[in-house]
Amino acid sequence: EQDLAFRAAFETFVIEPAGFDHRAHVRLAYAYLAGSEVEQAFQDM
């Protein structure tokens, strides 16, 4: 649920640029890959 909320927060611009660090980038990649094939996850990200 926390990962879904994180992805939604990013996609709706709740997360500020200053809060989007390397760990957040990796987490977003994880969130897209959890439900998609590599190419789709890349396109979504």
All heavy atoms as atom14 arrays in JSON, in Angstrom:
{
  "sequence": "EQDLAFRAAFETFVIEPAGFDHRAHVRLAYAYLAGSEVEQAFQDM",
  "atom14_mask": [
    [1, 1, 1, 1, 1, 1, 1, 1, 1, 0, 0, 0, 0, 0],
    [1, 1, 1, 1, 1, 1, 1, 1, 1, 0, 0, 0, 0, 0],
    [1, 1, 1, 1, 1, 1, 1, 1, 0, 0, 0, 0, 0, 0],
    [1, 1, 1, 1, 1, 1, 1, 1, 0, 0, 0, 0, 0, 0],
    [1, 1, 1, 1, 1, 0, 0, 0, 0, 0, 0, 0, 0, 0],
    [1, 1, 1, 1, 1, 1, 1, 1, 1, 1, 1, 0, 0, 0],
    [1, 1, 1, 1, 1, 1, 1, 1, 1, 1, 1, 0, 0, 0],
    [1, 1, 1, 1, 1, 0, 0, 0, 0, 0, 0, 0, 0, 0],
    [1, 1, 1, 1, 1, 0, 0, 0, 0, 0, 0, 0, 0, 0],
    [1, 1, 1, 1, 1, 1, 1, 1, 1, 1, 1, 0, 0, 0],
    [1, 1, 1, 1, 1, 1, 1, 1, 1, 0, 0, 0, 0, 0],
    [1, 1, 1, 1, 1, 1, 1, 0, 0, 0, 0, 0, 0, 0],
    [1, 1, 1, 1, 1, 1, 1, 1, 1, 1, 1, 0, 0, 0],
    [1, 1, 1, 1, 1, 1, 1, 0, 0, 0, 0, 0, 0, 0],
    [1, 1, 1, 1, 1, 1, 1, 1, 0, 0, 0, 0, 0, 0],
    [1, 1, 1, 1, 1, 1, 1, 1, 1, 0, 0, 0, 0, 0],
    [1, 1, 1, 1, 1, 1, 1, 0, 0, 0, 0, 0, 0, 0],
    [1, 1, 1, 1, 1, 0, 0, 0, 0, 0, 0, 0, 0, 0],
    [1, 1, 1, 1, 0, 0, 0, 0, 0, 0, 0, 0, 0, 0],
    [1, 1, 1, 1, 1, 1, 1, 1, 1, 1, 1, 0, 0, 0],
    [1, 1, 1, 1, 1, 1, 1, 1, 0, 0, 0, 0, 0, 0],
    [1, 1, 1, 1, 1, 1, 1, 1, 1, 1, 0, 0, 0, 0],
    [1, 1, 1, 1, 1, 1, 1, 1, 1, 1, 1, 0, 0, 0],
    [1, 1, 1, 1, 1, 0, 0, 0, 0, 0, 0, 0, 0, 0],
    [1, 1, 1, 1, 1, 1, 1, 1, 1, 1, 0, 0, 0, 0],
    [1, 1, 1, 1, 1, 1, 1, 0, 0, 0, 0, 0, 0, 0],
    [1, 1, 1, 1, 1, 1, 1, 1, 1, 1, 1, 0, 0, 0],
    [1, 1, 1, 1, 1, 1, 1, 1, 0, 0, 0, 0, 0, 0],
    [1, 1, 1, 1, 1, 0, 0, 0, 0, 0, 0, 0, 0, 0],
    [1, 1, 1, 1, 1, 1, 1, 1, 1, 1, 1, 1, 0, 0],
    [1, 1, 1, 1, 1, 0, 0, 0, 0, 0, 0, 0, 0, 0],
    [1, 1, 1, 1, 1, 1, 1, 1, 1, 1, 1, 1, 0, 0],
    [1, 1, 1, 1, 1, 1, 1, 1, 0, 0, 0, 0, 0, 0],
    [1, 1, 1, 1, 1, 0, 0, 0, 0, 0, 0, 0, 0, 0],
    [1, 1, 1, 1, 0, 0, 0, 0, 0, 0, 0, 0, 0, 0],
    [1, 1, 1, 1, 1, 1, 0, 0, 0, 0, 0, 0, 0, 0],
    [1, 1, 1, 1, 1, 1, 1, 1, 1, 0, 0, 0, 0, 0],
    [1, 1, 1, 1, 1, 1, 1, 0, 0, 0, 0, 0, 0, 0],
    [1, 1, 1, 1, 1, 1, 1, 1, 1, 0, 0, 0, 0, 0],
    [1, 1, 1, 1, 1, 1, 1, 1, 1, 0, 0, 0, 0, 0],
    [1, 1, 1, 1, 1, 0, 0, 0, 0, 0, 0, 0, 0, 0],
    [1, 1, 1, 1, 1, 1, 1, 1, 1, 1, 1, 0, 0, 0],
    [1, 1, 1, 1, 1, 1, 1, 1, 1, 0, 0, 0, 0, 0],
    [1, 1, 1, 1, 1, 1, 1, 1, 0, 0, 0, 0, 0, 0],
    [1, 1, 1, 1, 1, 1, 1, 1, 0, 0, 0, 0, 0, 0]
  ],
  "atom14_positions": [
    [[0.84, -1.21, 0.0], [0.0, 0.0, 0.0], [0.87, 1.26, 0.0], [0.56, 2.23, -0.67], [-0.94, 0.0, 1.21], [-2.05, -1.03, 1.12], [-2.99, -0.78, -0.05], [-3.35, 0.39, -0.32], [-3.36, -1.77, -0.72], [0.0, 0.0, 0.0], [0.0, 0.0, 0.0], [0.0, 0.0, 0.0], [0.0, 0.0, 0.0], [0.0, 0.0, 0.0]],
    [[1.98, 1.21, 0.74], [2.88, 2.36, 0.8], [3.53, 2.62, -0.56], [3.71, 3.78, -0.96], [3.97, 2.14, 1.86], [3.47, 2.09, 3.27], [2.99, 0.7, 3.69], [3.03, -0.26, 2.92], [2.49, 0.6, 4.91], [0.0, 0.0, 0.0], [0.0, 0.0, 0.0], [0.0, 0.0, 0.0], [0.0, 0.0, 0.0], [0.0, 0.0, 0.0]],
    [[3.88, 1.55, -1.28], [4.49, 1.71, -2.6], [3.49, 2.26, -3.61], [3.82, 3.1, -4.44], [5.09, 0.39, -3.09], [6.26, -0.06, -2.23], [6.99, 0.8, -1.71], [6.44, -1.29, -2.09], [0.0, 0.0, 0.0], [0.0, 0.0, 0.0], [0.0, 0.0, 0.0], [0.0, 0.0, 0.0], [0.0, 0.0, 0.0], [0.0, 0.0, 0.0]],
    [[2.24, 1.77, -3.54], [1.19, 2.3, -4.41], [0.95, 3.78, -4.11], [0.8, 4.59, -5.04], [-0.12, 1.52, -4.22], [-0.15, 0.13, -4.83], [-1.37, -0.64, -4.33], [-0.17, 0.22, -6.35], [0.0, 0.0, 0.0], [0.0, 0.0, 0.0], [0.0, 0.0, 0.0], [0.0, 0.0, 0.0], [0.0, 0.0, 0.0], [0.0, 0.0, 0.0]],
    [[0.93, 4.13, -2.83], [0.73, 5.53, -2.44], [1.9, 6.4, -2.91], [1.68, 7.54, -3.37], [0.56, 5.63, -0.93], [0.0, 0.0, 0.0], [0.0, 0.0, 0.0], [0.0, 0.0, 0.0], [0.0, 0.0, 0.0], [0.0, 0.0, 0.0], [0.0, 0.0, 0.0], [0.0, 0.0, 0.0], [0.0, 0.0, 0.0], [0.0, 0.0, 0.0]],
    [[3.11, 5.88, -2.82], [4.28, 6.62, -3.29], [4.17, 6.9, -4.79], [4.38, 8.03, -5.24], [5.56, 5.85, -2.99], [6.77, 6.44, -3.65], [7.4, 7.54, -3.1], [7.26, 5.92, -4.84], [8.51, 8.12, -3.72], [8.36, 6.48, -5.46], [8.99, 7.59, -4.9], [0.0, 0.0, 0.0], [0.0, 0.0, 0.0], [0.0, 0.0, 0.0]],
    [[3.85, 5.85, -5.57], [3.72, 6.04, -7.02], [2.64, 7.05, -7.34], [2.83, 7.94, -8.17], [3.45, 4.71, -7.71], [3.47, 4.84, -9.24], [3.31, 3.51, -9.93], [1.93, 3.07, -9.78], [1.52, 1.84, -10.04], [2.37, 0.91, -10.43], [0.26, 1.52, -9.91], [0.0, 0.0, 0.0], [0.0, 0.0, 0.0], [0.0, 0.0, 0.0]],
    [[1.49, 6.95, -6.68], [0.4, 7.9, -6.91], [0.81, 9.32, -6.53], [0.49, 10.27, -7.24], [-0.84, 7.47, -6.13], [0.0, 0.0, 0.0], [0.0, 0.0, 0.0], [0.0, 0.0, 0.0], [0.0, 0.0, 0.0], [0.0, 0.0, 0.0], [0.0, 0.0, 0.0], [0.0, 0.0, 0.0], [0.0, 0.0, 0.0], [0.0, 0.0, 0.0]],
    [[1.53, 9.46, -5.42], [2.0, 10.78, -5.0], [2.95, 11.38, -6.03], [2.9, 12.57, -6.33], [2.67, 10.7, -3.63], [0.0, 0.0, 0.0], [0.0, 0.0, 0.0], [0.0, 0.0, 0.0], [0.0, 0.0, 0.0], [0.0, 0.0, 0.0], [0.0, 0.0, 0.0], [0.0, 0.0, 0.0], [0.0, 0.0, 0.0], [0.0, 0.0, 0.0]],
    [[3.8, 10.55, -6.59], [4.72, 11.05, -7.62], [3.94, 11.47, -8.87], [4.15, 12.54, -9.42], [5.78, 10.0, -7.98], [6.76, 10.53, -8.97], [7.8, 11.33, -8.56], [6.63, 10.26, -10.33], [8.71, 11.87, -9.48], [7.53, 10.77, -11.25], [8.56, 11.58, -10.82], [0.0, 0.0, 0.0], [0.0, 0.0, 0.0], [0.0, 0.0, 0.0]],
    [[3.03, 10.6, -9.3], [2.28, 10.85, -10.54], [1.33, 12.04, -10.42], [0.96, 12.62, -11.44], [1.51, 9.6, -10.94], [2.42, 8.48, -11.39], [1.69, 7.17, -11.65], [0.54, 7.01, -11.2], [2.31, 6.29, -12.3], [0.0, 0.0, 0.0], [0.0, 0.0, 0.0], [0.0, 0.0, 0.0], [0.0, 0.0, 0.0], [0.0, 0.0, 0.0]],
    [[0.95, 12.41, -9.21], [0.06, 13.56, -9.01], [0.81, 14.77, -8.46], [0.19, 15.72, -7.98], [-1.12, 13.19, -8.08], [-0.6, 12.71, -6.84], [-2.01, 12.12, -8.71], [0.0, 0.0, 0.0], [0.0, 0.0, 0.0], [0.0, 0.0, 0.0], [0.0, 0.0, 0.0], [0.0, 0.0, 0.0], [0.0, 0.0, 0.0], [0.0, 0.0, 0.0]],
    [[2.11, 14.71, -8.54], [3.0, 15.84, -8.23], [2.94, 16.28, -6.77], [3.23, 17.43, -6.45], [2.72, 17.02, -9.17], [2.61, 16.61, -10.61], [1.43, 16.78, -11.32], [3.68, 16.01, -11.25], [1.32, 16.38, -12.64], [3.58, 15.61, -12.58], [2.4, 15.79, -13.27], [0.0, 0.0, 0.0], [0.0, 0.0, 0.0], [0.0, 0.0, 0.0]],
    [[2.59, 15.37, -5.88], [2.62, 15.67, -4.45], [4.07, 15.71, -3.96], [4.41, 16.51, -3.09], [1.79, 14.62, -3.66], [1.95, 14.81, -2.16], [0.32, 14.69, -4.07], [0.0, 0.0, 0.0], [0.0, 0.0, 0.0], [0.0, 0.0, 0.0], [0.0, 0.0, 0.0], [0.0, 0.0, 0.0], [0.0, 0.0, 0.0], [0.0, 0.0, 0.0]],
    [[4.91, 14.88, -4.54], [6.33, 14.85, -4.16], [7.03, 16.04, -4.8], [6.9, 16.3, -6.0], [6.97, 13.52, -4.59], [6.32, 12.37, -3.81], [8.48, 13.55, -4.39], [6.77, 11.0, -4.23], [0.0, 0.0, 0.0], [0.0, 0.0, 0.0], [0.0, 0.0, 0.0], [0.0, 0.0, 0.0], [0.0, 0.0, 0.0], [0.0, 0.0, 0.0]],
    [[7.76, 16.75, -3.98], [8.52, 17.92, -4.44], [9.84, 17.48, -5.06], [10.4, 16.46, -4.65], [8.81, 18.86, -3.26], [7.57, 19.46, -2.64], [6.9, 20.47, -3.55], [7.63, 21.19, -4.27], [5.66, 20.55, -3.54], [0.0, 0.0, 0.0], [0.0, 0.0, 0.0], [0.0, 0.0, 0.0], [0.0, 0.0, 0.0], [0.0, 0.0, 0.0]],
    [[10.38, 18.25, -6.0], [11.67, 17.89, -6.59], [12.77, 17.67, -5.55], [13.57, 16.75, -5.69], [12.0, 19.09, -7.49], [10.66, 19.65, -7.86], [9.8, 19.44, -6.63], [0.0, 0.0, 0.0], [0.0, 0.0, 0.0], [0.0, 0.0, 0.0], [0.0, 0.0, 0.0], [0.0, 0.0, 0.0], [0.0, 0.0, 0.0], [0.0, 0.0, 0.0]],
    [[12.8, 18.46, -4.5], [13.83, 18.3, -3.48], [13.72, 16.96, -2.76], [14.7, 16.44, -2.24], [13.76, 19.44, -2.47], [0.0, 0.0, 0.0], [0.0, 0.0, 0.0], [0.0, 0.0, 0.0], [0.0, 0.0, 0.0], [0.0, 0.0, 0.0], [0.0, 0.0, 0.0], [0.0, 0.0, 0.0], [0.0, 0.0, 0.0], [0.0, 0.0, 0.0]],
    [[12.53, 16.39, -2.73], [12.31, 15.11, -2.07], [12.47, 13.91, -2.98], [12.34, 12.76, -2.54], [0.0, 0.0, 0.0], [0.0, 0.0, 0.0], [0.0, 0.0, 0.0], [0.0, 0.0, 0.0], [0.0, 0.0, 0.0], [0.0, 0.0, 0.0], [0.0, 0.0, 0.0], [0.0, 0.0, 0.0], [0.0, 0.0, 0.0], [0.0, 0.0, 0.0]],
    [[12.78, 14.17, -4.23], [12.91, 13.07, -5.2], [14.38, 12.77, -5.43], [14.98, 13.15, -6.42], [12.18, 13.41, -6.49], [12.0, 12.22, -7.39], [11.26, 11.12, -6.98], [12.59, 12.18, -8.64], [11.1, 10.01, -7.79], [12.43, 11.07, -9.47], [11.7, 9.99, -9.04], [0.0, 0.0, 0.0], [0.0, 0.0, 0.0], [0.0, 0.0, 0.0]],
    [[14.96, 12.06, -4.48], [16.37, 11.73, -4.51], [16.61, 10.38, -5.2], [15.69, 9.8, -5.78], [16.94, 11.73, -3.1], [16.23, 10.73, -2.17], [15.4, 9.92, -2.64], [16.51, 10.77, -0.97], [0.0, 0.0, 0.0], [0.0, 0.0, 0.0], [0.0, 0.0, 0.0], [0.0, 0.0, 0.0], [0.0, 0.0, 0.0], [0.0, 0.0, 0.0]],
    [[17.85, 9.9, -5.13], [18.19, 8.64, -5.8], [17.34, 7.48, -5.29], [16.82, 6.68, -6.08], [19.68, 8.32, -5.63], [20.04, 6.99, -6.19], [20.04, 6.73, -7.55], [20.35, 5.82, -5.58], [20.36, 5.46, -7.74], [20.55, 4.89, -6.56], [0.0, 0.0, 0.0], [0.0, 0.0, 0.0], [0.0, 0.0, 0.0], [0.0, 0.0, 0.0]],
    [[17.16, 7.38, -3.98], [16.35, 6.3, -3.41], [14.92, 6.35, -3.98], [14.34, 5.32, -4.3], [16.32, 6.41, -1.89], [15.6, 5.25, -1.21], [15.62, 5.42, 0.33], [15.29, 4.21, 1.04], [14.04, 3.75, 1.2], [13.03, 4.4, 0.69], [13.83, 2.62, 1.87], [0.0, 0.0, 0.0], [0.0, 0.0, 0.0], [0.0, 0.0, 0.0]],
    [[14.38, 7.55, -4.1], [13.03, 7.7, -4.66], [12.99, 7.27, -6.12], [12.01, 6.67, -6.56], [12.55, 9.13, -4.48], [0.0, 0.0, 0.0], [0.0, 0.0, 0.0], [0.0, 0.0, 0.0], [0.0, 0.0, 0.0], [0.0, 0.0, 0.0], [0.0, 0.0, 0.0], [0.0, 0.0, 0.0], [0.0, 0.0, 0.0], [0.0, 0.0, 0.0]],
    [[14.03, 7.57, -6.88], [14.11, 7.11, -8.27], [14.07, 5.58, -8.32], [13.35, 5.0, -9.14], [15.41, 7.59, -8.93], [15.36, 8.95, -9.52], [15.53, 10.08, -8.78], [15.19, 9.35, -10.81], [15.46, 11.14, -9.58], [15.25, 10.72, -10.82], [0.0, 0.0, 0.0], [0.0, 0.0, 0.0], [0.0, 0.0, 0.0], [0.0, 0.0, 0.0]],
    [[14.86, 4.94, -7.48], [14.9, 3.47, -7.46], [13.54, 2.92, -7.03], [13.04, 1.94, -7.6], [16.04, 2.96, -6.54], [16.0, 1.45, -6.39], [17.4, 3.4, -7.09], [0.0, 0.0, 0.0], [0.0, 0.0, 0.0], [0.0, 0.0, 0.0], [0.0, 0.0, 0.0], [0.0, 0.0, 0.0], [0.0, 0.0, 0.0], [0.0, 0.0, 0.0]],
    [[12.91, 3.57, -6.06], [11.6, 3.12, -5.6], [10.56, 3.25, -6.72], [9.71, 2.37, -6.89], [11.16, 3.93, -4.38], [9.87, 3.42, -3.78], [9.51, 4.18, -2.52], [8.38, 3.55, -1.85], [7.81, 4.03, -0.77], [8.28, 5.14, -0.2], [6.79, 3.4, -0.23], [0.0, 0.0, 0.0], [0.0, 0.0, 0.0], [0.0, 0.0, 0.0]],
    [[10.63, 4.31, -7.49], [9.69, 4.48, -8.59], [9.91, 3.39, -9.64], [8.94, 2.82, -10.16], [9.83, 5.88, -9.2], [8.75, 6.27, -10.21], [7.36, 6.27, -9.56], [9.07, 7.63, -10.81], [0.0, 0.0, 0.0], [0.0, 0.0, 0.0], [0.0, 0.0, 0.0], [0.0, 0.0, 0.0], [0.0, 0.0, 0.0], [0.0, 0.0, 0.0]],
    [[11.16, 3.09, -9.93], [11.45, 2.0, -10.88], [10.86, 0.69, -10.36], [10.22, -0.06, -11.11], [12.96, 1.87, -11.09], [0.0, 0.0, 0.0], [0.0, 0.0, 0.0], [0.0, 0.0, 0.0], [0.0, 0.0, 0.0], [0.0, 0.0, 0.0], [0.0, 0.0, 0.0], [0.0, 0.0, 0.0], [0.0, 0.0, 0.0], [0.0, 0.0, 0.0]],
    [[11.05, 0.41, -9.08], [10.49, -0.78, -8.46], [8.96, -0.79, -8.61], [8.37, -1.81, -8.97], [10.89, -0.82, -6.98], [10.26, -1.93, -6.19], [10.88, -3.17, -6.09], [9.04, -1.76, -5.53], [10.32, -4.21, -5.35], [8.46, -2.79, -4.79], [9.1, -4.01, -4.72], [8.52, -5.03, -4.0], [0.0, 0.0, 0.0], [0.0, 0.0, 0.0]],
    [[8.33, 0.34, -8.34], [6.87, 0.43, -8.4], [6.36, 0.15, -9.81], [5.33, -0.52, -9.98], [6.41, 1.81, -7.93], [0.0, 0.0, 0.0], [0.0, 0.0, 0.0], [0.0, 0.0, 0.0], [0.0, 0.0, 0.0], [0.0, 0.0, 0.0], [0.0, 0.0, 0.0], [0.0, 0.0, 0.0], [0.0, 0.0, 0.0], [0.0, 0.0, 0.0]],
    [[7.04, 0.64, -10.82], [6.6, 0.37, -12.2], [6.9, -1.06, -12.62], [6.12, -1.69, -13.32], [7.22, 1.37, -13.17], [6.57, 2.73, -13.1], [7.32, 3.87, -12.87], [5.19, 2.87, -13.23], [6.72, 5.11, -12.79], [4.58, 4.11, -13.15], [5.35, 5.23, -12.93], [4.75, 6.46, -12.85], [0.0, 0.0, 0.0], [0.0, 0.0, 0.0]],
    [[8.03, -1.59, -12.19], [8.39, -2.96, -12.57], [7.53, -4.01, -11.88], [7.34, -5.1, -12.42], [9.86, -3.21, -12.25], [10.84, -2.6, -13.24], [12.23, -2.54, -12.63], [10.85, -3.39, -14.55], [0.0, 0.0, 0.0], [0.0, 0.0, 0.0], [0.0, 0.0, 0.0], [0.0, 0.0, 0.0], [0.0, 0.0, 0.0], [0.0, 0.0, 0.0]],
    [[7.01, -3.71, -10.71], [6.22, -4.7, -9.96], [4.98, -5.13, -10.73], [4.5, -6.23, -10.54], [5.83, -4.13, -8.59], [0.0, 0.0, 0.0], [0.0, 0.0, 0.0], [0.0, 0.0, 0.0], [0.0, 0.0, 0.0], [0.0, 0.0, 0.0], [0.0, 0.0, 0.0], [0.0, 0.0, 0.0], [0.0, 0.0, 0.0], [0.0, 0.0, 0.0]],
    [[4.48, -4.29, -11.61], [3.27, -4.64, -12.32], [3.4, -4.69, -13.83], [2.4, -4.81, -14.53], [0.0, 0.0, 0.0], [0.0, 0.0, 0.0], [0.0, 0.0, 0.0], [0.0, 0.0, 0.0], [0.0, 0.0, 0.0], [0.0, 0.0, 0.0], [0.0, 0.0, 0.0], [0.0, 0.0, 0.0], [0.0, 0.0, 0.0], [0.0, 0.0, 0.0]],
    [[4.63, -4.6, -14.34], [4.8, -4.5, -15.79], [6.06, -5.21, -16.27], [6.98, -5.47, -15.49], [4.94, -3.03, -16.2], [3.82, -2.28, -15.85], [0.0, 0.0, 0.0], [0.0, 0.0, 0.0], [0.0, 0.0, 0.0], [0.0, 0.0, 0.0], [0.0, 0.0, 0.0], [0.0, 0.0, 0.0], [0.0, 0.0, 0.0], [0.0, 0.0, 0.0]],
    [[6.1, -5.45, -17.54], [7.32, -5.91, -18.19], [8.31, -4.74, -18.26], [7.91, -3.58, -18.11], [7.02, -6.42, -19.6], [6.16, -7.66, -19.64], [6.89, -8.88, -19.09], [8.1, -9.01, -19.34], [6.24, -9.69, -18.41], [0.0, 0.0, 0.0], [0.0, 0.0, 0.0], [0.0, 0.0, 0.0], [0.0, 0.0, 0.0], [0.0, 0.0, 0.0]],
    [[9.55, -5.04, -18.51], [10.6, -4.03, -18.51], [10.29, -2.86, -19.44], [10.39, -1.69, -19.03], [11.97, -4.66, -18.87], [13.03, -3.59, -19.1], [12.41, -5.61, -17.78], [0.0, 0.0, 0.0], [0.0, 0.0, 0.0], [0.0, 0.0, 0.0], [0.0, 0.0, 0.0], [0.0, 0.0, 0.0], [0.0, 0.0, 0.0], [0.0, 0.0, 0.0]],
    [[9.93, -3.13, -20.66], [9.72, -2.04, -21.62], [8.56, -1.15, -21.2], [8.64, 0.08, -21.29], [9.5, -2.58, -23.04], [9.45, -1.5, -24.1], [10.69, -0.6, -24.15], [11.81, -1.08, -23.88], [10.53, 0.61, -24.46], [0.0, 0.0, 0.0], [0.0, 0.0, 0.0], [0.0, 0.0, 0.0], [0.0, 0.0, 0.0], [0.0, 0.0, 0.0]],
    [[7.48, -1.75, -20.73], [6.34, -0.94, -20.27], [6.71, -0.13, -19.05], [6.34, 1.04, -18.93], [5.13, -1.84, -19.98], [3.88, -1.04, -19.64], [3.44, -0.13, -20.78], [3.25, -0.59, -21.9], [3.31, 1.16, -20.51], [0.0, 0.0, 0.0], [0.0, 0.0, 0.0], [0.0, 0.0, 0.0], [0.0, 0.0, 0.0], [0.0, 0.0, 0.0]],
    [[7.44, -0.74, -18.12], [7.88, -0.02, -16.92], [8.75, 1.17, -17.32], [8.61, 2.27, -16.76], [8.64, -0.96, -15.99], [0.0, 0.0, 0.0], [0.0, 0.0, 0.0], [0.0, 0.0, 0.0], [0.0, 0.0, 0.0], [0.0, 0.0, 0.0], [0.0, 0.0, 0.0], [0.0, 0.0, 0.0], [0.0, 0.0, 0.0], [0.0, 0.0, 0.0]],
    [[9.64, 0.97, -18.28], [10.49, 2.07, -18.74], [9.64, 3.18, -19.34], [9.83, 4.36, -19.02], [11.53, 1.59, -19.76], [12.22, 2.74, -20.44], [13.13, 3.51, -19.75], [11.92, 3.07, -21.75], [13.75, 4.6, -20.36], [12.52, 4.14, -22.36], [13.44, 4.92, -21.67], [0.0, 0.0, 0.0], [0.0, 0.0, 0.0], [0.0, 0.0, 0.0]],
    [[8.69, 2.83, -20.2], [7.84, 3.85, -20.83], [7.03, 4.61, -19.78], [6.89, 5.83, -19.85], [6.92, 3.22, -21.88], [7.66, 2.67, -23.09], [8.47, 3.7, -23.85], [8.14, 4.88, -23.89], [9.57, 3.27, -24.45], [0.0, 0.0, 0.0], [0.0, 0.0, 0.0], [0.0, 0.0, 0.0], [0.0, 0.0, 0.0], [0.0, 0.0, 0.0]],
    [[6.49, 3.88, -18.81], [5.71, 4.52, -17.74], [6.59, 5.46, -16.91], [6.18, 6.58, -16.59], [5.07, 3.48, -16.83], [3.97, 2.68, -17.52], [3.48, 3.1, -18.58], [3.61, 1.61, -16.99], [0.0, 0.0, 0.0], [0.0, 0.0, 0.0], [0.0, 0.0, 0.0], [0.0, 0.0, 0.0], [0.0, 0.0, 0.0], [0.0, 0.0, 0.0]],
    [[7.78, 4.98, -16.57], [8.67, 5.81, -15.76], [9.12, 7.04, -16.55], [9.14, 8.15, -16.02], [9.87, 5.01, -15.29], [10.76, 5.81, -14.35], [11.58, 4.75, -13.17], [12.62, 5.93, -12.35], [0.0, 0.0, 0.0], [0.0, 0.0, 0.0], [0.0, 0.0, 0.0], [0.0, 0.0, 0.0], [0.0, 0.0, 0.0], [0.0, 0.0, 0.0]]
  ]
}
